[in-house]
Amino acid sequence: MQTLIFLQAAGGNAGMIQMLFFAAIILVFWLFIIRPQAKRQKEQNAFANSLEKGQDVVTASGILGRINKIDAEIVTLEIGTKSFVRITKSAISKDLTEQVYGKDGKKGPIETTE
């Protein structure tokens, strides 16, 4: 018995449809992943550059402290009475600082309801 296999040539637009599909995937990837991450990174860099002495901050590892000294990229935090920790500016988290102290920095870590 003989089996016949008929091969069909792809349509003239098959390559164009695949190219549009891959372009759509790249566009979605850029819109939902790359662009928001770049925006968050830009905000974090602006926050790190606006740090000043006396400001209460939270590090990425969760340490709460007050900025005592800033030397270029090294920040000295006072984490307790006469207890100091030296960290890099990039270790201070904008998101955690805003969660704990609020956007204006006035709220303390413990709120009392009276």
Protein backbone atom coordinates (compact mmCIF):
# COMPACT_ATOMS: atom_id res chain seq x y z
CA MET A 1 0.00 0.00 0.00
CA GLN A 2 1.28 3.37 -0.90
CA THR A 3 0.75 6.49 1.26
CA LEU A 4 0.66 9.87 -0.31
CA ILE A 5 1.64 12.94 1.67
CA PHE A 6 0.62 16.24 0.27
CA LEU A 7 2.65 19.23 1.41
CA GLN A 8 1.08 22.61 1.31
CA ALA A 9 3.10 25.74 0.84
CA ALA A 10 2.72 28.36 3.53
CA GLY A 11 0.65 31.37 2.68
CA GLY A 12 2.37 34.53 1.60
CA ASN A 13 1.57 36.31 4.92
CA ALA A 14 2.67 33.56 7.33
CA GLY A 15 6.08 35.16 7.95
CA MET A 16 4.52 38.57 8.48
CA ILE A 17 1.99 37.20 10.99
CA GLN A 18 4.77 35.52 12.99
CA MET A 19 6.80 38.73 12.99
CA LEU A 20 3.78 40.72 14.22
CA PHE A 21 3.15 38.12 16.94
CA PHE A 22 6.72 38.37 18.23
CA ALA A 23 6.60 42.17 18.05
CA ALA A 24 3.40 42.10 20.14
CA ILE A 25 5.08 39.86 22.72
CA ILE A 26 8.04 42.24 22.98
CA LEU A 27 5.70 45.23 23.29
CA VAL A 28 3.71 43.60 26.11
CA PHE A 29 6.95 42.59 27.87
CA TRP A 30 8.21 46.17 27.66
CA LEU A 31 4.91 47.70 28.83
CA PHE A 32 4.38 45.44 31.82
CA ILE A 33 7.90 44.65 33.01
CA ILE A 34 10.69 46.89 31.74
CA ARG A 35 8.99 50.30 31.85
CA PRO A 36 7.55 50.01 35.43
CA GLN A 37 10.87 48.65 36.74
CA ALA A 38 12.77 51.55 35.18
CA LYS A 39 10.31 54.01 36.72
CA ARG A 40 10.72 52.44 40.21
CA GLN A 41 14.51 52.52 39.83
CA LYS A 42 14.42 56.20 38.86
CA GLU A 43 12.25 57.01 41.91
CA GLN A 44 14.60 55.02 44.20
CA ASN A 45 17.64 56.90 42.85
CA ALA A 46 15.91 60.26 43.35
CA PHE A 47 15.03 59.23 46.91
CA ALA A 48 18.60 58.14 47.65
CA ASN A 49 19.95 61.44 46.35
CA SER A 50 17.49 63.45 48.48
CA LEU A 51 18.51 61.85 51.79
CA GLU A 52 19.58 64.30 54.47
CA LYS A 53 20.88 64.25 58.03
CA GLY A 54 18.22 63.67 60.70
CA GLN A 55 15.82 61.85 58.38
CA ASP A 56 14.24 58.62 59.66
CA VAL A 57 14.64 55.76 57.17
CA VAL A 58 14.23 52.00 56.82
CA THR A 59 16.81 49.82 55.11
CA ALA A 60 15.95 47.06 52.65
CA SER A 61 16.70 44.53 55.39
CA GLY A 62 14.24 46.21 57.76
CA ILE A 63 16.55 48.20 60.06
CA LEU A 64 14.97 51.44 61.28
CA GLY A 65 17.26 54.35 62.00
CA ARG A 66 18.00 58.05 61.72
CA ILE A 67 20.63 59.37 59.35
CA ASN A 68 23.56 60.73 61.35
CA LYS A 69 26.14 61.32 58.62
CA ILE A 70 26.35 61.09 54.81
CA ASP A 71 29.70 60.56 53.04
CA ALA A 72 29.12 60.22 49.27
CA GLU A 73 27.61 56.72 49.00
CA ILE A 74 28.07 55.72 52.67
CA VAL A 75 25.37 56.63 55.19
CA THR A 76 25.78 56.29 58.96
CA LEU A 77 22.52 55.40 60.69
CA GLU A 78 21.86 55.78 64.39
CA ILE A 79 19.80 52.72 65.26
CA GLY A 80 19.79 53.21 69.02
CA THR A 81 21.36 55.34 71.70
CA LYS A 82 24.99 55.64 70.58
CA SER A 83 24.61 52.66 68.23
CA PHE A 84 25.65 53.36 64.66
CA VAL A 85 25.62 51.32 61.46
CA ARG A 86 27.34 52.26 58.19
CA ILE A 87 25.44 51.28 55.05
CA THR A 88 25.34 52.29 51.40
CA LYS A 89 22.69 54.68 50.10
CA SER A 90 21.29 51.97 47.86
CA ALA A 91 20.45 49.86 50.93
CA ILE A 92 17.86 52.42 52.08
CA SER A 93 14.44 51.46 50.75
CA LYS A 94 12.05 54.17 49.55
CA ASP A 95 9.05 51.82 49.68
CA LEU A 96 9.71 50.56 53.22
CA THR A 97 10.45 54.07 54.49
CA GLU A 98 7.15 55.33 53.09
CA GLN A 99 5.28 52.37 54.60
CA VAL A 100 6.67 52.95 58.07
CA TYR A 101 6.97 56.74 58.23
CA GLY A 102 4.49 57.84 55.56
CA LYS A 103 5.17 59.87 52.44
CA ASP A 104 5.81 63.07 54.41
CA GLY A 105 8.05 61.34 56.97
CA LYS A 106 6.14 62.71 59.97
CA LYS A 107 4.51 59.50 61.20
CA GLY A 108 6.56 57.38 63.59
CA PRO A 109 6.86 53.59 63.43
CA ILE A 110 4.33 53.09 66.24
CA GLU A 111 0.99 54.81 66.04
CA THR A 112 -1.07 55.43 69.14
CA THR A 113 -4.84 55.74 68.96
CA GLU A 114 -6.02 58.11 71.62
